[in-house]
Amino acid sequence: MSGPEDRISSTLAVYLTEQFFHTYQRKPSASEIRSWERSIPQVANALKGTVLYSTDAETRAKLRELVEGEAPAPAVRAGHGA
């Protein structure tokens, strides 16, 4: 039986697969998907207790940029907050 971490990894791997296809117009390889499934729990454990739980808007914007690959808003880039 799979635990919550396995379900989360599987769900995120599905999301990453969809986004990969959307971005590159091709499916990722099976080994790439397996790599995501194996690394997601390790990344989640590393992030526990970090800025993920921050209420600071600039910190959240920086994290969103890191995780989602979004460019920060011009004010955040210039160091003026969100």
Protein backbone atom coordinates (compact mmCIF):
# COMPACT_ATOMS: atom_id res chain seq x y z
CA MET A 1 0.00 0.00 0.00
CA SER A 2 1.33 3.44 -0.82
CA GLY A 3 1.57 6.20 1.73
CA PRO A 4 0.74 9.90 1.40
CA GLU A 5 4.25 10.72 0.20
CA ASP A 6 3.94 8.22 -2.65
CA ARG A 7 0.61 9.70 -3.70
CA ILE A 8 2.02 13.23 -3.61
CA SER A 9 5.07 12.19 -5.63
CA SER A 10 2.86 10.48 -8.17
CA THR A 11 0.54 13.50 -8.43
CA LEU A 12 3.46 15.90 -8.86
CA ALA A 13 5.08 13.61 -11.41
CA VAL A 14 1.83 13.66 -13.42
CA TYR A 15 1.78 17.46 -13.21
CA LEU A 16 5.42 17.70 -14.26
CA THR A 17 4.73 15.33 -17.17
CA GLU A 18 1.84 17.52 -18.34
CA GLN A 19 3.90 20.69 -18.02
CA PHE A 20 6.85 19.09 -19.81
CA PHE A 21 4.57 18.17 -22.72
CA HIS A 22 3.02 21.65 -22.74
CA THR A 23 6.47 23.26 -22.84
CA TYR A 24 8.36 20.92 -25.18
CA GLN A 25 5.51 19.37 -27.21
CA ARG A 26 6.78 15.88 -26.45
CA LYS A 27 6.47 13.41 -23.61
CA PRO A 28 9.34 13.03 -21.15
CA SER A 29 11.12 9.70 -21.10
CA ALA A 30 10.09 7.02 -18.62
CA SER A 31 13.43 7.43 -16.85
CA GLU A 32 12.83 11.17 -16.46
CA ILE A 33 9.43 10.51 -14.88
CA ARG A 34 10.96 7.91 -12.54
CA SER A 35 13.62 10.42 -11.59
CA TRP A 36 10.93 12.96 -10.64
CA GLU A 37 9.02 10.38 -8.63
CA ARG A 38 12.16 9.45 -6.71
CA SER A 39 13.45 12.98 -6.12
CA ILE A 40 10.19 14.71 -5.13
CA PRO A 41 10.11 13.18 -1.61
CA GLN A 42 13.74 14.15 -1.05
CA VAL A 43 13.08 17.73 -2.17
CA ALA A 44 9.96 17.90 0.03
CA ASN A 45 11.95 16.71 3.05
CA ALA A 46 14.68 19.25 2.37
CA LEU A 47 12.12 22.06 2.19
CA LYS A 48 10.30 21.21 5.42
CA GLY A 49 10.53 24.10 7.83
CA THR A 50 11.99 26.50 5.27
CA VAL A 51 10.56 29.50 3.45
CA LEU A 52 7.59 27.42 2.30
CA TYR A 53 5.86 28.45 5.49
CA SER A 54 6.86 32.10 5.31
CA THR A 55 4.23 34.83 5.37
CA ASP A 56 6.66 37.34 3.86
CA ALA A 57 5.46 38.35 0.37
CA GLU A 58 8.96 38.83 -1.06
CA THR A 59 10.10 35.43 0.22
CA ARG A 60 7.02 33.76 -1.27
CA ALA A 61 7.65 35.51 -4.60
CA LYS A 62 11.25 34.29 -4.65
CA LEU A 63 10.13 30.75 -3.84
CA ARG A 64 7.48 30.89 -6.58
CA GLU A 65 10.18 31.97 -9.03
CA LEU A 66 12.41 29.08 -7.97
CA VAL A 67 9.70 26.41 -8.05
CA GLU A 68 7.65 27.57 -11.01
CA GLY A 69 10.36 29.25 -13.05
CA GLU A 70 8.45 32.53 -12.98
CA ALA A 71 10.25 35.81 -13.36
CA PRO A 72 9.57 38.02 -10.35
CA ALA A 73 7.52 41.18 -10.71
CA PRO A 74 9.67 44.24 -11.60
CA ALA A 75 9.31 45.69 -8.09
CA VAL A 76 10.57 42.46 -6.50
CA ARG A 77 13.46 42.27 -9.00
CA ALA A 78 14.43 45.81 -8.08
CA GLY A 79 14.33 44.95 -4.36
CA HIS A 80 11.25 47.05 -3.60
CA GLY A 81 9.03 44.24 -2.26
CA ALA A 82 5.83 42.85 -3.79
